[in-house]
C-alpha cells in the first residue's frame, strides 16, 4: 500500500494480524503495518502456540516441547512489535495457547473490537499450522469483522478494485464496501459476473448492471464484464489480465446453480488469486 494514499475506510482504529512466523505470513504482516501506519490504527499481532488437545495426549506431551514452542512464538511476536515501533505504529502482541487457533483469533478480534483481521494465505505444516485452509475458512466464517487475505508476495494496490458479483445480498454488501473504498482513494472499479450456462447470462448482466448503477451514482469510473466459464478460474484470470490490485467479495453468495461466492469458489479464489482479497460480512 502506498504511503501517500489516504486510509481506504472511514473507521479503522484497530487491526489484528494473525501470523504463524513463517514466510507465508510476511505479506500479511507487511501490509498490516502499512495499513496501520496509513490509518493511524492500533495493531494487534497474534500468533498461536498450537498445543495438542490434552484429552488426546494427557500427560504424555513433553513440557519442554511446549516451552520451546512458546519461546519461538514469543520471539516472533516481539520481532513484529519491534518493526511496528520503527514505523511509529502502536502494537500489542498476543501469544495464544490452545489446540484451536481459529477460535483464539476470533476471540481476540471480538475482545479488542477490531475492524479488520489480516491473514496470510498459507502457513507451515506441523504444530502451528495457523494459516492452513480450515483455519482460514473458520476465521472467515465466524469472524466478527471483515477479513483480508494477503498472498505472500502481494501488496495492497487500490488503483483498480475488482468486485465479483452474483446479484445476491452478499454481493451488494461487497459492492457498497468497494464503492466506499474507491470514493475515498480515487480508485476505479471492475464489476465481474460469471455465468456457467447460457440461460444465466441475463442474470449475470443484471448483476453487473446493479454495481455500475451504484458506482456511477457516486461518480466512480467502472468497467463491467459478463463472462462465461468456471467462476474462480475466470475471476483469477481477470485479476491478472486487468491488473487489479485488490478484490472485494461477500462472505456468502447465491444458492443454486451459480454459487459464485459460496465456499468452494471463495476457497479457490483465496488459493489462486494474486492480489489481496477483502471478505466482507453481512452486518
Protein backbone atom coordinates (compact mmCIF):
# COMPACT_ATOMS: atom_id res chain seq x y z
CA UNK A 1 0.00 0.00 0.00
CA UNK A 2 1.36 3.38 -0.99
CA UNK A 3 2.34 5.63 1.91
CA UNK A 4 0.73 8.68 0.30
CA UNK A 5 -2.71 7.08 -0.09
CA UNK A 6 -5.49 8.06 2.31
CA UNK A 7 -6.92 5.43 4.65
CA UNK A 8 -9.30 3.35 2.48
CA UNK A 9 -12.03 3.15 5.13
CA UNK A 10 -13.57 5.74 7.41
CA UNK A 11 -13.23 3.71 10.61
CA UNK A 12 -10.10 1.62 11.01
CA UNK A 13 -8.99 2.18 14.60
CA UNK A 14 -7.91 -1.37 15.44
CA UNK A 15 -6.42 -4.09 13.23
CA UNK A 16 -5.44 -7.65 14.07
CA UNK A 17 -2.89 -9.59 12.05
CA UNK A 18 -2.57 -13.36 12.58
CA UNK A 19 0.86 -14.82 11.90
CA UNK A 20 2.50 -18.22 12.26
CA UNK A 21 6.03 -16.87 11.96
CA UNK A 22 6.61 -18.44 8.55
CA UNK A 23 7.43 -16.71 5.28
CA UNK A 24 3.80 -17.21 4.22
CA UNK A 25 2.68 -14.66 6.82
CA UNK A 26 5.14 -12.00 5.72
CA UNK A 27 2.80 -10.38 3.20
CA UNK A 28 0.07 -10.07 5.82
CA UNK A 29 2.47 -8.57 8.37
CA UNK A 30 3.95 -6.10 5.90
CA UNK A 31 0.58 -4.88 4.64
CA UNK A 32 -0.88 -4.77 8.17
CA UNK A 33 1.96 -2.48 9.24
CA UNK A 34 1.46 -0.27 6.17
CA UNK A 35 -2.30 -0.11 6.70
CA UNK A 36 -1.94 0.63 10.42
CA UNK A 37 0.51 3.44 9.65
CA UNK A 38 -1.70 4.93 6.92
CA UNK A 39 -4.86 4.78 9.04
CA UNK A 40 -3.21 5.63 12.39
CA UNK A 41 -4.59 2.35 13.70
CA UNK A 42 -3.57 0.29 16.70
CA UNK A 43 -2.21 -3.06 15.57
CA UNK A 44 -2.70 -6.32 17.46
CA UNK A 45 -0.47 -9.22 16.41
CA UNK A 46 -1.48 -12.74 17.38
CA UNK A 47 0.48 -15.94 16.96
CA UNK A 48 -0.68 -19.24 18.39
CA UNK A 49 1.42 -21.86 20.12
CA UNK A 50 -0.87 -24.64 18.99
CA UNK A 51 -0.62 -27.09 21.84
CA UNK A 52 -2.17 -30.55 21.50
CA UNK A 53 -5.59 -31.32 22.91
CA UNK A 54 -4.87 -32.58 26.44
CA UNK A 55 -7.75 -35.02 26.15
CA UNK A 56 -5.79 -36.84 23.46
CA UNK A 57 -2.29 -36.60 24.90
CA UNK A 58 -2.97 -36.45 28.65
CA UNK A 59 0.42 -36.16 30.38
CA UNK A 60 2.46 -37.72 27.59
CA UNK A 61 3.27 -34.47 25.76
CA UNK A 62 6.66 -33.19 26.98
CA UNK A 63 6.59 -29.86 28.78
CA UNK A 64 9.94 -28.92 27.24
CA UNK A 65 8.41 -29.07 23.75
CA UNK A 66 5.62 -26.71 24.79
CA UNK A 67 8.08 -24.26 26.34
CA UNK A 68 10.29 -24.35 23.25
CA UNK A 69 7.30 -23.66 21.01
CA UNK A 70 6.09 -20.77 23.15
CA UNK A 71 9.58 -19.26 23.23
CA UNK A 72 9.78 -19.31 19.42
CA UNK A 73 6.32 -17.77 19.08
CA UNK A 74 7.12 -15.00 21.58
CA UNK A 75 10.38 -14.15 19.80
CA UNK A 76 8.48 -13.85 16.52
CA UNK A 77 5.84 -11.60 18.07
CA UNK A 78 8.48 -9.37 19.63
CA UNK A 79 10.25 -9.03 16.27
CA UNK A 80 7.00 -7.81 14.67
CA UNK A 81 6.43 -5.41 17.56
CA UNK A 82 9.93 -4.02 17.04
CA UNK A 83 9.21 -3.47 13.33
CA UNK A 84 5.99 -1.68 14.25
CA UNK A 85 7.84 0.59 16.67
CA UNK A 86 10.25 1.64 13.92
CA UNK A 87 7.24 2.59 11.76
CA UNK A 88 5.61 4.55 14.57
CA UNK A 89 2.76 2.05 14.83
CA UNK A 90 1.18 1.28 18.21
CA UNK A 91 1.40 -2.50 18.53
CA UNK A 92 0.24 -5.03 21.11
CA UNK A 93 1.29 -8.68 20.88
CA UNK A 94 -0.86 -11.66 21.82
CA UNK A 95 0.57 -15.13 22.42
CA UNK A 96 -2.30 -17.58 22.05
CA UNK A 97 -2.21 -21.05 23.55
CA UNK A 98 -4.51 -23.91 22.65
CA UNK A 99 -5.41 -26.60 20.13
CA UNK A 100 -7.79 -24.46 18.01
CA UNK A 101 -6.07 -21.36 16.51
CA UNK A 102 -9.16 -20.06 14.71
CA UNK A 103 -11.12 -19.89 17.98
CA UNK A 104 -8.37 -17.84 19.64
CA UNK A 105 -8.08 -15.47 16.68
CA UNK A 106 -11.83 -14.85 16.64
CA UNK A 107 -11.99 -14.37 20.42
CA UNK A 108 -9.18 -11.80 20.38
CA UNK A 109 -10.76 -9.95 17.47
CA UNK A 110 -14.04 -9.68 19.38
CA UNK A 111 -12.38 -8.83 22.70
CA UNK A 112 -10.42 -5.95 21.18
CA UNK A 113 -13.21 -4.71 18.88
CA UNK A 114 -11.02 -4.85 15.78
CA UNK A 115 -12.43 -3.70 12.46
CA UNK A 116 -10.26 -5.99 10.32
CA UNK A 117 -8.41 -9.30 10.63
CA UNK A 118 -5.47 -9.73 8.25
CA UNK A 119 -4.10 -13.19 7.47
CA UNK A 120 -1.68 -14.87 5.11
CA UNK A 121 -2.92 -17.34 2.55
CA UNK A 122 -0.99 -20.41 3.64
CA UNK A 123 1.09 -21.48 6.61
CA UNK A 124 3.61 -24.06 7.53
CA UNK A 125 2.78 -27.62 8.45
CA UNK A 126 3.36 -29.02 11.91
CA UNK A 127 2.15 -27.82 15.28
CA UNK A 128 1.35 -24.21 14.48
CA UNK A 129 -0.41 -24.55 11.08
CA UNK A 130 -2.24 -21.32 11.82
CA UNK A 131 -2.85 -20.28 8.23
CA UNK A 132 -3.82 -23.60 6.65
CA UNK A 133 -7.11 -23.89 4.84
CA UNK A 134 -9.50 -24.99 7.57
CA UNK A 135 -8.29 -22.31 10.00
CA UNK A 136 -8.63 -19.54 7.42
CA UNK A 137 -12.09 -20.79 6.44
CA UNK A 138 -13.25 -20.87 10.07
CA UNK A 139 -11.97 -17.35 10.72
CA UNK A 140 -13.70 -16.04 7.59
CA UNK A 141 -16.91 -17.82 8.54
CA UNK A 142 -17.05 -16.79 12.19
CA UNK A 143 -15.10 -13.54 12.48
CA UNK A 144 -16.98 -10.57 14.00
CA UNK A 145 -15.50 -8.25 11.36
CA UNK A 146 -14.04 -8.06 7.87
CA UNK A 147 -11.15 -10.36 6.95
CA UNK A 148 -8.35 -9.64 4.49
CA UNK A 149 -6.25 -12.41 2.95
CA UNK A 150 -2.84 -11.31 1.67
CA UNK A 151 -0.76 -13.65 -0.51
CA UNK A 152 2.92 -13.84 0.41
CA UNK A 153 4.31 -11.56 -2.31
CA UNK A 154 1.33 -9.30 -2.99
CA UNK A 155 0.80 -5.72 -1.92
CA UNK A 156 -2.39 -3.74 -1.47
CA UNK A 157 -2.89 -1.62 -4.58
CA UNK A 158 -6.18 0.26 -4.77
CA UNK A 159 -5.88 1.76 -8.25
CA UNK A 160 -8.19 -0.93 -9.68
CA UNK A 161 -10.60 -2.86 -7.45
CA UNK A 162 -12.33 -6.00 -8.71
CA UNK A 163 -15.84 -6.80 -7.45
CA UNK A 164 -17.16 -10.24 -8.43
CA UNK A 165 -20.96 -10.27 -8.15
CA UNK A 166 -23.83 -12.73 -8.44
CA UNK A 167 -26.55 -10.24 -7.60
CA UNK A 168 -27.06 -11.62 -4.09
CA UNK A 169 -27.40 -9.63 -0.88
CA UNK A 170 -23.80 -10.56 -0.03
CA UNK A 171 -22.59 -9.16 -3.35
CA UNK A 172 -24.50 -5.96 -2.64
CA UNK A 173 -22.67 -5.66 0.69
CA UNK A 174 -19.32 -6.18 -1.08
CA UNK A 175 -20.31 -3.62 -3.71
CA UNK A 176 -21.07 -0.97 -1.09
CA UNK A 177 -17.69 -1.61 0.53
CA UNK A 178 -15.81 -1.44 -2.77
CA UNK A 179 -17.61 1.77 -3.79
CA UNK A 180 -16.82 3.34 -0.42
CA UNK A 181 -13.12 2.49 -0.76
CA UNK A 182 -12.97 3.69 -4.35
CA UNK A 183 -14.57 7.00 -3.43
CA UNK A 184 -12.11 7.64 -0.59
CA UNK A 185 -8.92 6.82 -2.51
CA UNK A 186 -9.91 7.64 -6.10
CA UNK A 187 -9.96 4.09 -7.42
CA UNK A 188 -11.74 2.66 -10.43
CA UNK A 189 -13.86 -0.49 -10.21
CA UNK A 190 -14.20 -3.60 -12.32
CA UNK A 191 -17.53 -5.39 -11.82
CA UNK A 192 -17.47 -9.01 -12.95
CA UNK A 193 -20.23 -11.60 -13.11
CA UNK A 194 -19.54 -15.14 -14.29
CA UNK A 195 -22.15 -17.50 -15.70
CA UNK A 196 -21.74 -21.18 -16.48
CA UNK A 197 -24.90 -21.71 -18.55
CA UNK A 198 -26.31 -19.54 -21.32
CA UNK A 199 -29.68 -19.26 -19.58
CA UNK A 200 -27.95 -17.41 -16.73
CA UNK A 201 -26.44 -14.69 -18.93
CA UNK A 202 -29.23 -12.16 -18.31
CA UNK A 203 -28.93 -12.61 -14.54
CA UNK A 204 -25.17 -12.07 -14.75
CA UNK A 205 -25.65 -8.98 -16.92
CA UNK A 206 -28.20 -7.59 -14.47
CA UNK A 207 -25.81 -8.24 -11.57
CA UNK A 208 -23.00 -6.10 -13.01
CA UNK A 209 -25.58 -3.52 -14.05
CA UNK A 210 -26.56 -3.04 -10.40
CA UNK A 211 -22.93 -2.47 -9.44
CA UNK A 212 -22.50 0.00 -12.30
CA UNK A 213 -25.56 1.97 -11.19
CA UNK A 214 -24.26 2.32 -7.62
CA UNK A 215 -20.75 3.28 -8.76
CA UNK A 216 -21.86 5.85 -11.31
CA UNK A 217 -24.18 7.43 -8.75
CA UNK A 218 -21.04 8.12 -6.68
CA UNK A 219 -19.06 9.38 -9.66
CA UNK A 220 -16.74 6.36 -9.77
CA UNK A 221 -15.26 5.08 -13.01
CA UNK A 222 -16.31 1.47 -13.61
CA UNK A 223 -15.82 -1.28 -16.19
CA UNK A 224 -18.35 -4.12 -16.35
CA UNK A 225 -17.63 -7.67 -17.52
CA UNK A 226 -20.01 -10.58 -18.04
CA UNK A 227 -18.04 -13.72 -18.83
CA UNK A 228 -18.77 -17.43 -19.22
CA UNK A 229 -16.78 -20.18 -17.51
CA UNK A 230 -15.79 -21.61 -14.15
CA UNK A 231 -16.24 -18.73 -11.68
CA UNK A 232 -12.94 -18.96 -9.78
CA UNK A 233 -10.92 -19.50 -12.97
CA UNK A 234 -12.50 -16.53 -14.73
CA UNK A 235 -12.13 -14.27 -11.68
CA UNK A 236 -8.46 -15.17 -11.14
CA UNK A 237 -7.74 -14.72 -14.86
CA UNK A 238 -9.46 -11.32 -14.84
CA UNK A 239 -7.36 -10.15 -11.89
CA UNK A 240 -4.24 -10.85 -13.92
CA UNK A 241 -5.45 -9.53 -17.28
CA UNK A 242 -6.89 -6.31 -15.86
CA UNK A 243 -4.04 -5.85 -13.37
CA UNK A 244 -6.46 -5.48 -10.48
CA UNK A 245 -4.59 -4.90 -7.22
CA UNK A 246 -7.43 -5.63 -4.81
CA UNK A 247 -10.62 -7.68 -4.67
CA UNK A 248 -13.74 -7.32 -2.51
CA UNK A 249 -16.13 -10.24 -2.08
CA UNK A 250 -19.09 -11.12 0.13
CA UNK A 251 -18.68 -13.96 2.60
CA UNK A 252 -21.56 -15.91 1.03
CA UNK A 253 -23.37 -15.89 -2.26
CA UNK A 254 -26.49 -17.02 -4.08
CA UNK A 255 -27.50 -20.64 -3.65
CA UNK A 256 -28.41 -22.73 -6.65
CA UNK A 257 -26.56 -23.14 -9.93
CA UNK A 258 -24.20 -20.20 -9.76
CA UNK A 259 -22.90 -20.27 -6.15
CA UNK A 260 -20.40 -17.62 -7.24
CA UNK A 261 -19.17 -16.62 -3.83
CA UNK A 262 -20.01 -19.77 -1.88
CA UNK A 263 -17.50 -22.00 -0.07
CA UNK A 264 -15.53 -23.81 -2.73
CA UNK A 265 -15.31 -20.81 -5.06
CA UNK A 266 -14.16 -18.47 -2.29
CA UNK A 267 -11.59 -21.01 -1.12
CA UNK A 268 -10.23 -21.32 -4.66
CA UNK A 269 -10.10 -17.54 -5.05
CA UNK A 270 -8.10 -17.32 -1.84
CA UNK A 271 -5.84 -20.11 -3.04
CA UNK A 272 -5.11 -18.79 -6.52
CA UNK A 273 -5.74 -15.03 -6.75
CA UNK A 274 -2.60 -12.95 -6.97
CA UNK A 275 -3.99 -9.92 -5.13
CA UNK A 276 -5.22 -9.28 -1.58
CA UNK A 277 -8.87 -10.19 -1.01
CA UNK A 278 -11.20 -8.38 1.39
CA UNK A 279 -14.06 -10.58 2.61
CA UNK A 280 -17.00 -8.50 3.81
CA UNK A 281 -19.59 -9.98 6.14
CA UNK A 282 -23.27 -9.20 6.44
CA UNK A 283 -23.64 -6.82 9.44
